[in-house]
C-alpha atoms as a PDB file:
ATOM      1  CA  MET A   1       0.443  -0.078   0.424  1.00  0.00           C
ATOM      2  CA  ASN A   2       1.282   2.999  -1.196  1.00  0.00           C
ATOM      3  CA  ASN A   3       1.744   5.902   2.471  1.00  0.00           C
ATOM      4  CA  ALA A   4       2.834   8.804   1.308  1.00  0.00           C
ATOM      5  CA  LEU A   5       1.885  11.618  -1.118  1.00  0.00           C
ATOM      6  CA  LEU A   6       5.368  14.078  -2.028  1.00  0.00           C
ATOM      7  CA  SER A   7       5.131  16.668  -4.471  1.00  0.00           C
ATOM      8  CA  ILE A   8       8.119  18.529  -5.014  1.00  0.00           C
ATOM      9  CA  GLN A   9       8.580  21.446  -6.859  1.00  0.00           C
ATOM     10  CA  ILE A  10      12.514  21.346  -8.114  1.00  0.00           C
ATOM     11  CA  LEU A  11      14.620  24.894  -8.594  1.00  0.00           C
ATOM     12  CA  PRO A  12      17.985  23.715 -10.319  1.00  0.00           C
ATOM     13  CA  LYS A  13      20.927  27.576 -10.122  1.00  0.00           C
ATOM     14  CA  THR A  14      21.729  27.907 -13.238  1.00  0.00           C
ATOM     15  CA  GLN A  15      25.768  28.568 -13.875  1.00  0.00           C
ATOM     16  CA  ALA A  16      25.418  31.816 -16.451  1.00  0.00           C
ATOM     17  CA  GLY A  17      20.958  32.531 -15.765  1.00  0.00           C
ATOM     18  CA  GLU A  18      20.525  29.563 -18.354  1.00  0.00           C
ATOM     19  CA  SER A  19      16.530  28.289 -18.578  1.00  0.00           C
ATOM     20  CA  VAL A  20      16.162  25.600 -15.908  1.00  0.00           C
ATOM     21  CA  ILE A  21      13.371  23.965 -17.778  1.00  0.00           C
ATOM     22  CA  PRO A  22      15.969  21.536 -19.429  1.00  0.00           C
ATOM     23  CA  TYR A  23      17.622  20.644 -16.011  1.00  0.00           C
ATOM     24  CA  VAL A  24      13.916  20.025 -14.619  1.00  0.00           C
ATOM     25  CA  ASP A  25      13.170  18.030 -17.231  1.00  0.00           C
ATOM     26  CA  GLN A  26      15.232  15.396 -16.742  1.00  0.00           C
ATOM     27  CA  ALA A  27      14.987  15.355 -12.877  1.00  0.00           C
ATOM     28  CA  ILE A  28      11.454  14.546 -14.454  1.00  0.00           C
ATOM     29  CA  SER A  29      12.753  12.021 -16.341  1.00  0.00           C
ATOM     30  CA  ILE A  30      14.093  10.054 -12.757  1.00  0.00           C
ATOM     31  CA  ILE A  31      11.078  10.024 -11.733  1.00  0.00           C
ATOM     32  CA  GLN A  32       9.790   8.467 -14.695  1.00  0.00           C
ATOM     33  CA  GLN A  33      12.108   6.391 -14.385  1.00  0.00           C
ATOM     34  CA  SER A  34      11.891   4.987 -10.817  1.00  0.00           C
ATOM     35  CA  GLY A  35       8.388   3.797 -11.496  1.00  0.00           C
ATOM     36  CA  VAL A  36       6.511   5.085  -8.740  1.00  0.00           C
ATOM     37  CA  LYS A  37       2.955   6.804  -9.711  1.00  0.00           C
ATOM     38  CA  TYR A  38       3.117  10.807 -10.566  1.00  0.00           C
ATOM     39  CA  LEU A  39       1.557  13.012 -12.743  1.00  0.00           C
ATOM     40  CA  VAL A  40       3.637  16.928 -13.106  1.00  0.00           C
ATOM     41  CA  GLY A  41       1.314  19.858 -12.944  1.00  0.00           C
ATOM     42  CA  PRO A  42       2.032  23.626 -13.951  1.00  0.00           C
ATOM     43  CA  LEU A  43       4.352  24.513 -10.415  1.00  0.00           C
ATOM     44  CA  GLU A  44       5.365  20.645  -9.300  1.00  0.00           C
ATOM     45  CA  THR A  45       5.123  17.157  -9.931  1.00  0.00           C
ATOM     46  CA  THR A  46       3.288  14.615  -6.666  1.00  0.00           C
ATOM     47  CA  MET A  47       4.764  11.260  -6.909  1.00  0.00           C
ATOM     48  CA  GLU A  48       2.531   8.512  -4.186  1.00  0.00           C
ATOM     49  CA  GLY A  49       4.109   5.932  -3.482  1.00  0.00           C
ATOM     50  CA  ASP A  50       6.677   5.232   0.264  1.00  0.00           C
ATOM     51  CA  LEU A  51       7.179   7.874   2.169  1.00  0.00           C
ATOM     52  CA  ASP A  52      10.983   6.058   2.532  1.00  0.00           C
ATOM     53  CA  GLU A  53      11.149   5.549  -1.880  1.00  0.00           C
ATOM     54  CA  LEU A  54       9.467   9.076  -2.502  1.00  0.00           C
ATOM     55  CA  LEU A  55      11.760  10.717  -0.536  1.00  0.00           C
ATOM     56  CA  ALA A  56      15.024   8.360  -2.305  1.00  0.00           C
ATOM     57  CA  ILE A  57      13.686   9.598  -5.283  1.00  0.00           C
ATOM     58  CA  VAL A  58      14.462  13.532  -4.418  1.00  0.00           C
ATOM     59  CA  LYS A  59      17.401  12.805  -3.187  1.00  0.00           C
ATOM     60  CA  ARG A  60      18.109  11.631  -6.477  1.00  0.00           C
ATOM     61  CA  MET A  61      16.908  14.433  -7.847  1.00  0.00           C
ATOM     62  CA  ASN A  62      18.585  16.738  -5.769  1.00  0.00           C
ATOM     63  CA  GLU A  63      22.111  15.192  -6.615  1.00  0.00           C
ATOM     64  CA  ALA A  64      21.337  14.245 -10.804  1.00  0.00           C
ATOM     65  CA  MET A  65      21.077  18.668 -10.232  1.00  0.00           C
ATOM     66  CA  ILE A  66      24.749  18.913  -9.041  1.00  0.00           C
ATOM     67  CA  ALA A  67      26.082  16.461 -11.619  1.00  0.00           C
ATOM     68  CA  ILE A  68      24.610  18.307 -14.823  1.00  0.00           C
ATOM     69  CA  GLY A  69      25.953  21.543 -13.464  1.00  0.00           C
ATOM     70  CA  CYS A  70      23.952  23.661 -11.151  1.00  0.00           C
ATOM     71  CA  PRO A  71      26.364  25.394  -9.268  1.00  0.00           C
ATOM     72  CA  GLY A  72      22.783  24.440  -6.361  1.00  0.00           C
ATOM     73  CA  VAL A  73      19.678  23.190  -5.862  1.00  0.00           C
ATOM     74  CA  LEU A  74      15.814  24.630  -4.100  1.00  0.00           C
ATOM     75  CA  SER A  75      13.350  21.884  -3.701  1.00  0.00           C
ATOM     76  CA  GLN A  76      10.429  22.352  -1.946  1.00  0.00           C
ATOM     77  CA  ILE A  77       8.436  19.575  -0.651  1.00  0.00           C
ATOM     78  CA  LYS A  78       4.843  18.317   0.809  1.00  0.00           C
ATOM     79  CA  ILE A  79       4.341  15.180   1.594  1.00  0.00           C
ATOM     80  CA  SER A  80       1.279  13.767   3.002  1.00  0.00           C
ATOM     81  CA  TYR A  81       1.854  10.283   5.127  1.00  0.00           C
ATOM     82  CA  ASN A  82      -0.342   8.484   6.370  1.00  0.00           C
ATOM     83  CA  PRO A  83       0.895   4.664   6.769  1.00  0.00           C
ATOM     84  CA  ILE A  84      -2.597   3.182   7.830  1.00  0.00           C
ATOM     85  CA  GLN A  85      -5.215   3.933   5.671  1.00  0.00           C
ATOM     86  CA  GLY A  86      -2.892   4.524   2.645  1.00  0.00           C
ATOM     87  CA  ALA A  87      -2.346   7.532   0.333  1.00  0.00           C
ATOM     88  CA  SER A  88      -3.965   7.635  -3.256  1.00  0.00           C
ATOM     89  CA  MET A  89      -4.111  11.499  -5.523  1.00  0.00           C
ATOM     90  CA  ASP A  90      -7.433   9.343  -6.965  1.00  0.00           C
ATOM     91  CA  ARG A  91      -8.917   9.471  -4.020  1.00  0.00           C
ATOM     92  CA  LEU A  92      -7.747  12.504  -2.913  1.00  0.00           C
ATOM     93  CA  THR A  93      -9.906  13.811  -6.194  1.00  0.00           C
ATOM     94  CA  GLU A  94     -12.006  12.384  -7.668  1.00  0.00           C
ATOM     95  CA  LYS A  95     -14.617  14.460  -6.955  1.00  0.00           C
ATOM     96  CA  TYR A  96     -12.899  16.788  -9.089  1.00  0.00           C
ATOM     97  CA  ARG A  97     -13.052  14.315 -12.049  1.00  0.00           C
END
């Protein structure tokens, strides 16, 4: 059972003020490769899964930004953790669909 939702907005710092979009695309590809359920929004991406796994993905995303040349990264995250009932994007949004 998935016990957490984690939304992340990753803001990589760039060397010369270039666009962050290619870096954000790389960060999203790390989520895609992880196999967790996710939803890309205009300002953040939400993942659904086990809290430890989601936090490990955030770590990989930040490390990847440094590895591809960003001098620093700011990641804003929101977490909904419910180990008893579980966490589901669909359950939270079904009344709006």
